[in-house]
Amino acid sequence: MAADRTAPARDSEQAIAAALQRYRVMATVVGVLLVLLFVVAVPLKYWAEMPTPVTILGTAHGWLYALFFLSAVDLALRAKWTLTGTILTVVAGTVPFLSFLAEHSVTSKMRAGERV
């Protein structure tokens, strides 16, 4: 007899914790790529005439930002965030270093049981 396996409810603590973990990973990855893009690749493009790093990091950031966006929206829907909190969190992935601050703020609020 097969064991009954059911997925946790969409807004259960377990589902929210998993969504938070996905969001944290994507925020870190997108943040690191964006910092590398602006701190390393853009200066190389304009000062050393090497456009390849901008192309590679820019493309990687763009595709991974899409995954970051989806993970942030998924977490926002599961945890019932405010519209303002959701928008600010999603926009934070487009500003260098801001995704790290937003991730820290979101994680702190979520662990404290507060809405973002």
N, C-alpha and C. Protein backbone atom coordinates (compact mmCIF):
# COMPACT_ATOMS: atom_id res chain seq x y z
N MET A 1 0.85 -1.17 0.00
CA MET A 1 0.00 0.00 0.00
C MET A 1 0.90 1.24 0.00
N ALA A 2 0.65 2.13 -0.90
CA ALA A 2 1.46 3.34 -1.01
C ALA A 2 1.06 4.33 0.08
N ALA A 3 2.06 4.98 0.61
CA ALA A 3 1.81 5.98 1.64
C ALA A 3 1.14 7.20 1.00
N ASP A 4 0.22 7.79 1.72
CA ASP A 4 -0.44 8.99 1.21
C ASP A 4 0.52 10.16 1.32
N ARG A 5 0.80 10.74 0.18
CA ARG A 5 1.68 11.90 0.15
C ARG A 5 0.89 13.07 -0.38
N THR A 6 0.76 14.07 0.42
CA THR A 6 0.05 15.26 -0.02
C THR A 6 0.98 16.45 0.13
N ALA A 7 0.85 17.37 -0.77
CA ALA A 7 1.65 18.58 -0.71
C ALA A 7 1.15 19.45 0.44
N PRO A 8 2.06 20.19 1.08
CA PRO A 8 1.60 21.08 2.14
C PRO A 8 0.72 22.18 1.56
N ALA A 9 -0.17 22.69 2.38
CA ALA A 9 -1.06 23.77 1.93
C ALA A 9 -0.23 24.94 1.45
N ARG A 10 -0.77 25.67 0.48
CA ARG A 10 -0.04 26.78 -0.14
C ARG A 10 0.45 27.81 0.86
N ASP A 11 -0.32 28.05 1.90
CA ASP A 11 0.07 29.07 2.88
C ASP A 11 0.49 28.46 4.22
N SER A 12 0.91 27.20 4.21
CA SER A 12 1.37 26.58 5.44
C SER A 12 2.76 27.10 5.80
N GLU A 13 3.13 26.90 7.04
CA GLU A 13 4.46 27.33 7.50
C GLU A 13 5.56 26.69 6.68
N GLN A 14 5.40 25.42 6.36
CA GLN A 14 6.41 24.68 5.60
C GLN A 14 6.54 25.24 4.18
N ALA A 15 5.42 25.53 3.54
CA ALA A 15 5.45 26.07 2.18
C ALA A 15 6.05 27.47 2.16
N ILE A 16 5.73 28.28 3.16
CA ILE A 16 6.27 29.63 3.24
C ILE A 16 7.76 29.59 3.51
N ALA A 17 8.20 28.69 4.38
CA ALA A 17 9.64 28.56 4.68
C ALA A 17 10.41 28.14 3.42
N ALA A 18 9.85 27.23 2.64
CA ALA A 18 10.51 26.81 1.40
C ALA A 18 10.56 27.96 0.39
N ALA A 19 9.48 28.72 0.29
CA ALA A 19 9.45 29.88 -0.61
C ALA A 19 10.45 30.94 -0.17
N LEU A 20 10.57 31.14 1.14
CA LEU A 20 11.54 32.10 1.67
C LEU A 20 12.96 31.67 1.32
N GLN A 21 13.25 30.40 1.43
CA GLN A 21 14.58 29.90 1.10
C GLN A 21 14.89 30.11 -0.39
N ARG A 22 13.93 29.82 -1.25
CA ARG A 22 14.12 30.05 -2.69
C ARG A 22 14.36 31.53 -2.97
N TYR A 23 13.59 32.39 -2.31
CA TYR A 23 13.75 33.83 -2.49
C TYR A 23 15.14 34.28 -2.04
N ARG A 24 15.58 33.79 -0.89
CA ARG A 24 16.89 34.20 -0.36
C ARG A 24 18.02 33.80 -1.30
N VAL A 25 17.95 32.60 -1.85
CA VAL A 25 18.99 32.14 -2.78
C VAL A 25 18.99 33.03 -4.03
N MET A 26 17.82 33.27 -4.58
CA MET A 26 17.76 34.06 -5.80
C MET A 26 18.16 35.52 -5.56
N ALA A 27 17.81 36.08 -4.41
CA ALA A 27 18.20 37.46 -4.10
C ALA A 27 19.72 37.56 -4.01
N THR A 28 20.35 36.57 -3.42
CA THR A 28 21.80 36.58 -3.30
C THR A 28 22.47 36.43 -4.66
N VAL A 29 22.00 35.49 -5.45
CA VAL A 29 22.59 35.27 -6.78
C VAL A 29 22.43 36.51 -7.66
N VAL A 30 21.23 37.06 -7.69
CA VAL A 30 20.98 38.25 -8.51
C VAL A 30 21.79 39.44 -8.00
N GLY A 31 21.90 39.57 -6.70
CA GLY A 31 22.68 40.66 -6.13
C GLY A 31 24.15 40.56 -6.47
N VAL A 32 24.72 39.37 -6.36
CA VAL A 32 26.13 39.17 -6.69
C VAL A 32 26.38 39.45 -8.17
N LEU A 33 25.51 38.94 -9.03
CA LEU A 33 25.69 39.19 -10.47
C LEU A 33 25.58 40.68 -10.80
N LEU A 34 24.66 41.36 -10.16
CA LEU A 34 24.49 42.79 -10.44
C LEU A 34 25.69 43.59 -9.96
N VAL A 35 26.21 43.24 -8.80
CA VAL A 35 27.42 43.93 -8.30
C VAL A 35 28.60 43.67 -9.23
N LEU A 36 28.79 42.41 -9.64
CA LEU A 36 29.88 42.09 -10.57
C LEU A 36 29.71 42.84 -11.89
N LEU A 37 28.47 42.95 -12.34
CA LEU A 37 28.21 43.66 -13.59
C LEU A 37 28.63 45.11 -13.49
N PHE A 38 28.24 45.78 -12.41
CA PHE A 38 28.53 47.21 -12.29
C PHE A 38 29.94 47.51 -11.81
N VAL A 39 30.51 46.64 -10.96
CA VAL A 39 31.82 46.92 -10.38
C VAL A 39 32.96 46.39 -11.24
N VAL A 40 32.73 45.30 -11.96
CA VAL A 40 33.80 44.69 -12.75
C VAL A 40 33.57 44.85 -14.25
N ALA A 41 32.41 44.40 -14.72
CA ALA A 41 32.20 44.31 -16.16
C ALA A 41 32.07 45.67 -16.84
N VAL A 42 31.33 46.58 -16.26
CA VAL A 42 31.14 47.89 -16.89
C VAL A 42 32.46 48.67 -16.95
N PRO A 43 33.25 48.72 -15.88
CA PRO A 43 34.57 49.38 -16.01
C PRO A 43 35.46 48.71 -17.07
N LEU A 44 35.42 47.37 -17.15
CA LEU A 44 36.21 46.70 -18.18
C LEU A 44 35.75 47.09 -19.58
N LYS A 45 34.46 47.25 -19.74
CA LYS A 45 33.92 47.62 -21.06
C LYS A 45 34.41 49.00 -21.48
N TYR A 46 34.36 49.96 -20.57
CA TYR A 46 34.67 51.33 -20.95
C TYR A 46 36.14 51.70 -20.80
N TRP A 47 36.86 51.09 -19.86
CA TRP A 47 38.26 51.46 -19.66
C TRP A 47 39.22 50.53 -20.37
N ALA A 48 38.85 49.27 -20.55
CA ALA A 48 39.73 48.30 -21.20
C ALA A 48 39.18 47.84 -22.55
N GLU A 49 38.06 48.41 -22.96
CA GLU A 49 37.41 48.06 -24.22
C GLU A 49 37.19 46.55 -24.35
N MET A 50 36.66 45.96 -23.27
CA MET A 50 36.32 44.53 -23.24
C MET A 50 34.82 44.39 -22.99
N PRO A 51 34.01 44.32 -24.04
CA PRO A 51 32.56 44.27 -23.86
C PRO A 51 32.01 42.88 -23.48
N THR A 52 32.81 41.85 -23.63
CA THR A 52 32.33 40.48 -23.38
C THR A 52 31.80 40.26 -21.97
N PRO A 53 32.50 40.72 -20.90
CA PRO A 53 31.96 40.49 -19.55
C PRO A 53 30.59 41.12 -19.33
N VAL A 54 30.34 42.28 -19.93
CA VAL A 54 29.03 42.92 -19.80
C VAL A 54 27.96 42.06 -20.48
N THR A 55 28.30 41.53 -21.63
CA THR A 55 27.35 40.68 -22.35
C THR A 55 27.01 39.44 -21.54
N ILE A 56 28.03 38.79 -21.01
CA ILE A 56 27.82 37.54 -20.26
C ILE A 56 27.09 37.80 -18.95
N LEU A 57 27.61 38.72 -18.15
CA LEU A 57 26.98 38.99 -16.84
C LEU A 57 25.61 39.64 -16.99
N GLY A 58 25.47 40.51 -17.98
CA GLY A 58 24.18 41.16 -18.21
C GLY A 58 23.10 40.16 -18.60
N THR A 59 23.46 39.25 -19.47
CA THR A 59 22.51 38.22 -19.89
C THR A 59 22.17 37.30 -18.72
N ALA A 60 23.18 36.87 -17.98
CA ALA A 60 22.95 36.00 -16.82
C ALA A 60 22.06 36.69 -15.80
N HIS A 61 22.35 37.96 -15.52
CA HIS A 61 21.53 38.70 -14.56
C HIS A 61 20.09 38.80 -15.05
N GLY A 62 19.91 39.08 -16.32
CA GLY A 62 18.55 39.21 -16.86
C GLY A 62 17.73 37.94 -16.71
N TRP A 63 18.31 36.80 -17.08
CA TRP A 63 17.58 35.54 -16.96
C TRP A 63 17.34 35.16 -15.51
N LEU A 64 18.35 35.36 -14.67
CA LEU A 64 18.19 34.98 -13.27
C LEU A 64 17.29 35.97 -12.52
N TYR A 65 17.23 37.23 -12.99
CA TYR A 65 16.30 38.18 -12.40
C TYR A 65 14.86 37.69 -12.60
N ALA A 66 14.60 37.08 -13.75
CA ALA A 66 13.26 36.55 -14.00
C ALA A 66 12.91 35.49 -12.96
N LEU A 67 13.87 34.63 -12.61
CA LEU A 67 13.63 33.63 -11.57
C LEU A 67 13.49 34.28 -10.20
N PHE A 68 14.28 35.32 -9.95
CA PHE A 68 14.16 36.08 -8.70
C PHE A 68 12.77 36.69 -8.59
N PHE A 69 12.30 37.27 -9.69
CA PHE A 69 10.98 37.88 -9.72
C PHE A 69 9.91 36.86 -9.36
N LEU A 70 9.99 35.69 -10.00
CA LEU A 70 9.00 34.64 -9.73
C LEU A 70 9.08 34.15 -8.28
N SER A 71 10.28 34.00 -7.75
CA SER A 71 10.40 33.53 -6.37
C SER A 71 9.89 34.58 -5.38
N ALA A 72 10.12 35.86 -5.67
CA ALA A 72 9.63 36.93 -4.79
C ALA A 72 8.10 37.01 -4.83
N VAL A 73 7.53 36.91 -6.02
CA VAL A 73 6.06 36.96 -6.15
C VAL A 73 5.44 35.72 -5.49
N ASP A 74 6.06 34.56 -5.68
CA ASP A 74 5.56 33.34 -5.04
C ASP A 74 5.54 33.50 -3.52
N LEU A 75 6.62 34.01 -2.96
CA LEU A 75 6.68 34.22 -1.51
C LEU A 75 5.66 35.26 -1.08
N ALA A 76 5.52 36.32 -1.86
CA ALA A 76 4.57 37.38 -1.52
C ALA A 76 3.14 36.85 -1.49
N LEU A 77 2.79 36.01 -2.45
CA LEU A 77 1.44 35.45 -2.47
C LEU A 77 1.22 34.47 -1.32
N ARG A 78 2.20 33.64 -1.05
CA ARG A 78 2.06 32.66 0.04
C ARG A 78 1.97 33.35 1.40
N ALA A 79 2.80 34.37 1.61
CA ALA A 79 2.85 35.04 2.91
C ALA A 79 1.91 36.23 3.02
N LYS A 80 1.16 36.48 1.94
CA LYS A 80 0.16 37.57 1.92
C LYS A 80 0.79 38.94 2.22
N TRP A 81 1.84 39.27 1.46
CA TRP A 81 2.49 40.56 1.59
C TRP A 81 1.58 41.66 1.08
N THR A 82 1.92 42.89 1.45
CA THR A 82 1.23 44.06 0.90
C THR A 82 1.73 44.28 -0.53
N LEU A 83 0.96 44.99 -1.33
CA LEU A 83 1.37 45.28 -2.70
C LEU A 83 2.63 46.14 -2.71
N THR A 84 2.69 47.11 -1.82
CA THR A 84 3.87 47.98 -1.74
C THR A 84 5.12 47.19 -1.38
N GLY A 85 5.02 46.31 -0.40
CA GLY A 85 6.16 45.49 0.00
C GLY A 85 6.62 44.59 -1.13
N THR A 86 5.67 44.05 -1.87
CA THR A 86 6.01 43.18 -3.01
C THR A 86 6.74 43.96 -4.09
N ILE A 87 6.22 45.10 -4.45
CA ILE A 87 6.83 45.92 -5.50
C ILE A 87 8.23 46.38 -5.10
N LEU A 88 8.38 46.86 -3.87
CA LEU A 88 9.70 47.31 -3.41
C LEU A 88 10.71 46.17 -3.39
N THR A 89 10.28 45.01 -3.00
CA THR A 89 11.17 43.86 -2.95
C THR A 89 11.60 43.45 -4.35
N VAL A 90 10.68 43.45 -5.29
CA VAL A 90 10.99 43.06 -6.67
C VAL A 90 11.92 44.09 -7.32
N VAL A 91 11.68 45.36 -7.07
CA VAL A 91 12.52 46.43 -7.65
C VAL A 91 13.93 46.39 -7.04
N ALA A 92 14.06 45.92 -5.82
CA ALA A 92 15.37 45.87 -5.17
C ALA A 92 16.37 45.01 -5.95
N GLY A 93 15.89 44.07 -6.74
CA GLY A 93 16.78 43.23 -7.53
C GLY A 93 17.39 43.93 -8.72
N THR A 94 17.01 45.18 -8.95
CA THR A 94 17.54 45.93 -10.09
C THR A 94 18.53 47.01 -9.67
N VAL A 95 18.76 47.16 -8.37
CA VAL A 95 19.67 48.19 -7.86
C VAL A 95 20.85 47.51 -7.17
N PRO A 96 22.08 47.81 -7.60
CA PRO A 96 23.24 47.16 -6.97
C PRO A 96 23.25 47.34 -5.45
N PHE A 97 23.57 46.29 -4.75
CA PHE A 97 23.66 46.20 -3.29
C PHE A 97 22.31 46.24 -2.58
N LEU A 98 21.27 46.74 -3.22
CA LEU A 98 19.97 46.87 -2.56
C LEU A 98 19.29 45.51 -2.36
N SER A 99 19.57 44.56 -3.22
CA SER A 99 18.94 43.24 -3.06
C SER A 99 19.40 42.58 -1.76
N PHE A 100 20.63 42.86 -1.34
CA PHE A 100 21.13 42.29 -0.08
C PHE A 100 20.39 42.89 1.11
N LEU A 101 20.17 44.20 1.08
CA LEU A 101 19.44 44.86 2.16
C LEU A 101 17.98 44.41 2.19
N ALA A 102 17.38 44.30 1.01
CA ALA A 102 15.99 43.87 0.94
C ALA A 102 15.84 42.43 1.43
N GLU A 103 16.77 41.57 1.04
CA GLU A 103 16.72 40.17 1.48
C GLU A 103 16.83 40.08 3.00
N HIS A 104 17.72 40.86 3.58
CA HIS A 104 17.88 40.86 5.04
C HIS A 104 16.60 41.36 5.72
N SER A 105 16.04 42.42 5.19
CA SER A 105 14.81 42.98 5.76
C SER A 105 13.65 42.00 5.65
N VAL A 106 13.49 41.40 4.48
CA VAL A 106 12.40 40.44 4.26
C VAL A 106 12.56 39.25 5.19
N THR A 107 13.77 38.71 5.28
CA THR A 107 14.01 37.55 6.14
C THR A 107 13.72 37.88 7.60
N SER A 108 14.17 39.03 8.05
CA SER A 108 13.92 39.43 9.44
C SER A 108 12.42 39.55 9.73
N LYS A 109 11.70 40.21 8.83
CA LYS A 109 10.26 40.38 9.03
C LYS A 109 9.51 39.06 8.97
N MET A 110 9.91 38.20 8.02
CA MET A 110 9.23 36.91 7.88
C MET A 110 9.46 36.04 9.13
N ARG A 111 10.67 36.03 9.64
CA ARG A 111 10.97 35.23 10.83
C ARG A 111 10.29 35.79 12.08
N ALA A 112 10.01 37.09 12.08
CA ALA A 112 9.31 37.72 13.20
C ALA A 112 7.79 37.58 13.05
N GLY A 113 7.35 37.04 11.93
CA GLY A 113 5.92 36.86 11.70
C GLY A 113 5.21 38.10 11.22
N GLU A 114 5.95 39.07 10.71
CA GLU A 114 5.36 40.31 10.22
C GLU A 114 5.11 40.23 8.71
N ARG A 115 4.17 41.02 8.25
CA ARG A 115 3.94 41.14 6.80
C ARG A 115 4.96 42.09 6.21
N VAL A 116 5.34 41.82 5.00
CA VAL A 116 6.29 42.71 4.30
C VAL A 116 5.51 43.72 3.53
